[in-house]
Amino acid sequence: MQKSDMEKATEKYISAMQKSPEYLRYCEAKAVAKGDEQLWKQLCDYRKKRYEFQNLTSPEELFDRVDAFERDYREWKKNPVVVEFLDAELGFCRLMQENSMRIVEAMQFE
């Protein structure tokens, strides 16, 4: 069975993303973080809670809840492994968002 042009283009896009500096940095930071099982669990918990704040909190209470949340994690976030992972993750997420937005705009999807 031959692959469609769309499938080929998707595979090429994925390959390019996997070679991007943002993705490679993210993978390296994740590997280091996962090297400490307890730290990795804390990172996963932090990310889950942060996601929930962004998606389940009303705008009126978001600032206060996030402020308190960040205070609770202030010292923990001084760990260089945590800093590097969160920065690398953010960089990769931004790259994915920018690429997605470019596709949406090019397709004139409303």
N, C-alpha and C. Protein backbone atom coordinates (compact mmCIF):
# COMPACT_ATOMS: atom_id res chain seq x y z
N MET A 1 0.84 -1.17 0.00
CA MET A 1 0.00 0.00 0.00
C MET A 1 0.90 1.25 0.00
N GLN A 2 0.60 2.15 -0.88
CA GLN A 2 1.37 3.38 -0.95
C GLN A 2 0.81 4.41 0.01
N LYS A 3 1.72 5.20 0.54
CA LYS A 3 1.29 6.26 1.45
C LYS A 3 0.83 7.47 0.64
N SER A 4 -0.18 8.12 1.17
CA SER A 4 -0.67 9.32 0.50
C SER A 4 0.33 10.46 0.70
N ASP A 5 0.18 11.48 -0.12
CA ASP A 5 1.03 12.66 0.02
C ASP A 5 0.89 13.27 1.40
N MET A 6 -0.32 13.24 1.95
CA MET A 6 -0.55 13.80 3.28
C MET A 6 0.20 13.01 4.34
N GLU A 7 0.16 11.69 4.24
CA GLU A 7 0.88 10.85 5.21
C GLU A 7 2.39 11.09 5.12
N LYS A 8 2.89 11.20 3.90
CA LYS A 8 4.33 11.46 3.72
C LYS A 8 4.71 12.82 4.30
N ALA A 9 3.89 13.81 4.03
CA ALA A 9 4.17 15.15 4.55
C ALA A 9 4.11 15.17 6.08
N THR A 10 3.17 14.44 6.65
CA THR A 10 3.05 14.37 8.10
C THR A 10 4.29 13.72 8.70
N GLU A 11 4.73 12.63 8.12
CA GLU A 11 5.94 11.97 8.60
C GLU A 11 7.16 12.88 8.49
N LYS A 12 7.24 13.64 7.42
CA LYS A 12 8.36 14.57 7.23
C LYS A 12 8.30 15.68 8.29
N TYR A 13 7.11 16.16 8.56
CA TYR A 13 6.91 17.19 9.59
C TYR A 13 7.33 16.66 10.96
N ILE A 14 6.88 15.46 11.29
CA ILE A 14 7.23 14.85 12.58
C ILE A 14 8.74 14.69 12.69
N SER A 15 9.36 14.22 11.65
CA SER A 15 10.82 14.05 11.65
C SER A 15 11.53 15.39 11.87
N ALA A 16 11.05 16.42 11.22
CA ALA A 16 11.65 17.75 11.39
C ALA A 16 11.47 18.24 12.82
N MET A 17 10.29 18.02 13.39
CA MET A 17 10.05 18.43 14.78
C MET A 17 10.98 17.68 15.73
N GLN A 18 11.17 16.38 15.47
CA GLN A 18 12.02 15.58 16.34
C GLN A 18 13.49 16.00 16.27
N LYS A 19 13.88 16.70 15.22
CA LYS A 19 15.25 17.18 15.07
C LYS A 19 15.41 18.62 15.53
N SER A 20 14.31 19.26 15.90
CA SER A 20 14.38 20.67 16.29
C SER A 20 15.14 20.82 17.61
N PRO A 21 15.85 21.94 17.77
CA PRO A 21 16.56 22.18 19.03
C PRO A 21 15.63 22.18 20.24
N GLU A 22 14.41 22.68 20.05
CA GLU A 22 13.45 22.73 21.16
C GLU A 22 13.08 21.33 21.63
N TYR A 23 12.82 20.45 20.69
CA TYR A 23 12.44 19.09 21.05
C TYR A 23 13.62 18.33 21.67
N LEU A 24 14.80 18.49 21.08
CA LEU A 24 15.98 17.81 21.62
C LEU A 24 16.30 18.28 23.03
N ARG A 25 16.16 19.58 23.27
CA ARG A 25 16.37 20.11 24.63
C ARG A 25 15.34 19.52 25.59
N TYR A 26 14.09 19.47 25.16
CA TYR A 26 13.03 18.90 25.99
C TYR A 26 13.33 17.45 26.33
N CYS A 27 13.74 16.66 25.35
CA CYS A 27 14.04 15.24 25.59
C CYS A 27 15.19 15.08 26.57
N GLU A 28 16.22 15.89 26.43
CA GLU A 28 17.35 15.82 27.35
C GLU A 28 16.93 16.19 28.76
N ALA A 29 16.17 17.26 28.90
CA ALA A 29 15.72 17.71 30.21
C ALA A 29 14.80 16.68 30.85
N LYS A 30 13.95 16.06 30.04
CA LYS A 30 13.04 15.03 30.55
C LYS A 30 13.83 13.82 31.04
N ALA A 31 14.84 13.42 30.29
CA ALA A 31 15.65 12.27 30.70
C ALA A 31 16.35 12.53 32.03
N VAL A 32 16.87 13.72 32.21
CA VAL A 32 17.53 14.07 33.47
C VAL A 32 16.52 14.06 34.61
N ALA A 33 15.37 14.67 34.39
CA ALA A 33 14.33 14.74 35.42
C ALA A 33 13.83 13.34 35.79
N LYS A 34 13.66 12.49 34.80
CA LYS A 34 13.18 11.13 35.06
C LYS A 34 14.22 10.29 35.79
N GLY A 35 15.47 10.74 35.78
CA GLY A 35 16.53 10.05 36.50
C GLY A 35 16.31 10.06 38.00
N ASP A 36 15.51 10.99 38.47
CA ASP A 36 15.15 11.09 39.88
C ASP A 36 13.66 10.83 39.97
N GLU A 37 13.30 9.61 40.35
CA GLU A 37 11.90 9.19 40.31
C GLU A 37 10.99 10.11 41.13
N GLN A 38 11.44 10.51 42.33
CA GLN A 38 10.64 11.38 43.18
C GLN A 38 10.45 12.75 42.53
N LEU A 39 11.52 13.29 41.97
CA LEU A 39 11.43 14.59 41.31
C LEU A 39 10.49 14.53 40.11
N TRP A 40 10.56 13.45 39.35
CA TRP A 40 9.69 13.30 38.19
C TRP A 40 8.22 13.26 38.61
N LYS A 41 7.93 12.55 39.70
CA LYS A 41 6.56 12.51 40.21
C LYS A 41 6.11 13.91 40.62
N GLN A 42 7.00 14.66 41.26
CA GLN A 42 6.66 16.04 41.67
C GLN A 42 6.41 16.91 40.44
N LEU A 43 7.25 16.76 39.42
CA LEU A 43 7.06 17.53 38.19
C LEU A 43 5.72 17.20 37.54
N CYS A 44 5.38 15.93 37.47
CA CYS A 44 4.11 15.53 36.87
C CYS A 44 2.94 16.09 37.67
N ASP A 45 3.05 16.05 38.98
CA ASP A 45 1.99 16.60 39.84
C ASP A 45 1.87 18.11 39.64
N TYR A 46 2.99 18.80 39.60
CA TYR A 46 3.00 20.24 39.38
C TYR A 46 2.34 20.59 38.05
N ARG A 47 2.73 19.89 37.00
CA ARG A 47 2.19 20.16 35.67
C ARG A 47 0.68 19.90 35.62
N LYS A 48 0.24 18.82 36.27
CA LYS A 48 -1.19 18.50 36.30
C LYS A 48 -1.97 19.60 37.01
N LYS A 49 -1.48 20.02 38.17
CA LYS A 49 -2.16 21.08 38.93
C LYS A 49 -2.18 22.39 38.14
N ARG A 50 -1.08 22.71 37.51
CA ARG A 50 -1.00 23.95 36.73
C ARG A 50 -1.99 23.91 35.57
N TYR A 51 -2.09 22.78 34.91
CA TYR A 51 -3.05 22.60 33.82
C TYR A 51 -4.48 22.79 34.33
N GLU A 52 -4.77 22.19 35.47
CA GLU A 52 -6.11 22.30 36.04
C GLU A 52 -6.44 23.75 36.37
N PHE A 53 -5.48 24.48 36.91
CA PHE A 53 -5.72 25.90 37.19
C PHE A 53 -6.08 26.65 35.91
N GLN A 54 -5.35 26.40 34.87
CA GLN A 54 -5.55 27.13 33.62
C GLN A 54 -6.87 26.78 32.95
N ASN A 55 -7.37 25.57 33.19
CA ASN A 55 -8.55 25.13 32.46
C ASN A 55 -9.81 24.99 33.31
N LEU A 56 -9.67 24.92 34.62
CA LEU A 56 -10.84 24.67 35.45
C LEU A 56 -11.15 25.80 36.42
N THR A 57 -10.35 26.83 36.43
CA THR A 57 -10.54 27.92 37.36
C THR A 57 -11.21 29.09 36.66
N SER A 58 -12.16 29.70 37.32
CA SER A 58 -12.83 30.86 36.73
C SER A 58 -11.84 32.02 36.68
N PRO A 59 -11.98 32.88 35.71
CA PRO A 59 -11.05 34.02 35.58
C PRO A 59 -10.98 34.89 36.83
N GLU A 60 -12.08 34.99 37.54
CA GLU A 60 -12.12 35.84 38.74
C GLU A 60 -11.19 35.32 39.84
N GLU A 61 -11.09 34.02 39.97
CA GLU A 61 -10.28 33.47 41.06
C GLU A 61 -8.93 32.93 40.59
N LEU A 62 -8.68 32.97 39.31
CA LEU A 62 -7.45 32.40 38.76
C LEU A 62 -6.21 33.04 39.35
N PHE A 63 -6.14 34.37 39.38
CA PHE A 63 -4.94 35.05 39.84
C PHE A 63 -4.59 34.65 41.27
N ASP A 64 -5.56 34.69 42.17
CA ASP A 64 -5.29 34.37 43.57
C ASP A 64 -4.86 32.91 43.75
N ARG A 65 -5.52 32.02 43.05
CA ARG A 65 -5.18 30.59 43.19
C ARG A 65 -3.80 30.29 42.61
N VAL A 66 -3.51 30.87 41.46
CA VAL A 66 -2.19 30.64 40.85
C VAL A 66 -1.11 31.27 41.70
N ASP A 67 -1.37 32.45 42.25
CA ASP A 67 -0.39 33.11 43.11
C ASP A 67 -0.06 32.23 44.32
N ALA A 68 -1.07 31.69 44.96
CA ALA A 68 -0.85 30.81 46.12
C ALA A 68 -0.12 29.53 45.69
N PHE A 69 -0.50 28.99 44.56
CA PHE A 69 0.13 27.78 44.03
C PHE A 69 1.62 28.02 43.78
N GLU A 70 1.93 29.12 43.13
CA GLU A 70 3.32 29.44 42.83
C GLU A 70 4.13 29.68 44.12
N ARG A 71 3.52 30.27 45.11
CA ARG A 71 4.20 30.47 46.41
C ARG A 71 4.55 29.11 47.02
N ASP A 72 3.63 28.17 46.93
CA ASP A 72 3.86 26.83 47.48
C ASP A 72 5.04 26.13 46.82
N TYR A 73 5.28 26.42 45.55
CA TYR A 73 6.33 25.74 44.79
C TYR A 73 7.58 26.61 44.59
N ARG A 74 7.61 27.79 45.18
CA ARG A 74 8.71 28.74 44.94
C ARG A 74 10.08 28.12 45.18
N GLU A 75 10.29 27.53 46.34
CA GLU A 75 11.60 26.95 46.66
C GLU A 75 11.91 25.74 45.78
N TRP A 76 10.93 24.90 45.57
CA TRP A 76 11.11 23.71 44.74
C TRP A 76 11.54 24.09 43.32
N LYS A 77 10.99 25.19 42.81
CA LYS A 77 11.29 25.62 41.45
C LYS A 77 12.68 26.25 41.31
N LYS A 78 13.43 26.31 42.40
CA LYS A 78 14.81 26.80 42.32
C LYS A 78 15.78 25.67 41.95
N ASN A 79 15.29 24.44 41.96
CA ASN A 79 16.10 23.29 41.58
C ASN A 79 16.46 23.43 40.10
N PRO A 80 17.75 23.40 39.74
CA PRO A 80 18.15 23.58 38.33
C PRO A 80 17.54 22.55 37.38
N VAL A 81 17.32 21.33 37.85
CA VAL A 81 16.71 20.30 36.99
C VAL A 81 15.26 20.68 36.69
N VAL A 82 14.56 21.18 37.69
CA VAL A 82 13.17 21.62 37.52
C VAL A 82 13.13 22.81 36.56
N VAL A 83 13.99 23.77 36.79
CA VAL A 83 14.03 24.97 35.93
C VAL A 83 14.28 24.58 34.48
N GLU A 84 15.27 23.74 34.26
CA GLU A 84 15.61 23.35 32.89
C GLU A 84 14.46 22.58 32.24
N PHE A 85 13.86 21.66 32.97
CA PHE A 85 12.76 20.90 32.38
C PHE A 85 11.59 21.80 32.03
N LEU A 86 11.17 22.65 32.96
CA LEU A 86 10.02 23.52 32.70
C LEU A 86 10.30 24.50 31.57
N ASP A 87 11.53 25.03 31.50
CA ASP A 87 11.89 25.94 30.40
C ASP A 87 11.90 25.20 29.06
N ALA A 88 12.46 24.00 29.07
CA ALA A 88 12.52 23.22 27.83
C ALA A 88 11.12 22.82 27.37
N GLU A 89 10.29 22.43 28.32
CA GLU A 89 8.91 22.06 28.00
C GLU A 89 8.16 23.26 27.41
N LEU A 90 8.32 24.41 28.02
CA LEU A 90 7.66 25.61 27.53
C LEU A 90 8.13 25.96 26.12
N GLY A 91 9.42 25.87 25.89
CA GLY A 91 9.96 26.16 24.55
C GLY A 91 9.39 25.24 23.49
N PHE A 92 9.29 23.96 23.82
CA PHE A 92 8.74 23.01 22.86
C PHE A 92 7.25 23.24 22.65
N CYS A 93 6.53 23.52 23.73
CA CYS A 93 5.09 23.81 23.61
C CYS A 93 4.85 25.04 22.73
N ARG A 94 5.66 26.06 22.91
CA ARG A 94 5.51 27.27 22.08
C ARG A 94 5.77 26.96 20.61
N LEU A 95 6.77 26.15 20.33
CA LEU A 95 7.04 25.77 18.95
C LEU A 95 5.83 25.04 18.36
N MET A 96 5.27 24.10 19.12
CA MET A 96 4.09 23.37 18.65
C MET A 96 2.91 24.31 18.42
N GLN A 97 2.70 25.25 19.33
CA GLN A 97 1.59 26.20 19.19
C GLN A 97 1.79 27.09 17.97
N GLU A 98 3.00 27.59 17.78
CA GLU A 98 3.27 28.46 16.63
C GLU A 98 3.04 27.71 15.32
N ASN A 99 3.51 26.48 15.26
CA ASN A 99 3.31 25.69 14.04
C ASN A 99 1.83 25.40 13.81
N SER A 100 1.13 25.07 14.86
CA SER A 100 -0.31 24.81 14.73
C SER A 100 -1.05 26.05 14.25
N MET A 101 -0.71 27.20 14.80
CA MET A 101 -1.36 28.45 14.38
C MET A 101 -1.05 28.77 12.92
N ARG A 102 0.16 28.50 12.49
CA ARG A 102 0.51 28.74 11.09
C ARG A 102 -0.34 27.86 10.17
N ILE A 103 -0.56 26.62 10.57
CA ILE A 103 -1.38 25.71 9.76
C ILE A 103 -2.82 26.20 9.74
N VAL A 104 -3.37 26.57 10.89
CA VAL A 104 -4.74 27.07 10.96
C VAL A 104 -4.90 28.30 10.09
N GLU A 105 -3.96 29.24 10.18
CA GLU A 105 -4.04 30.47 9.37
C GLU A 105 -3.93 30.16 7.88
N ALA A 106 -3.01 29.28 7.51
CA ALA A 106 -2.83 28.95 6.10
C ALA A 106 -4.07 28.27 5.51
N MET A 107 -4.77 27.52 6.34
CA MET A 107 -5.97 26.84 5.88
C MET A 107 -7.21 27.73 5.97
N GLN A 108 -7.04 28.93 6.48
CA GLN A 108 -8.14 29.88 6.67
C GLN A 108 -9.28 29.22 7.43
N PHE A 109 -8.91 28.51 8.48
CA PHE A 109 -9.87 27.80 9.31
C PHE A 109 -10.42 28.75 10.35
N GLU A 110 -11.73 28.87 10.40
CA GLU A 110 -12.37 29.80 11.34
C GLU A 110 -13.25 29.06 12.31
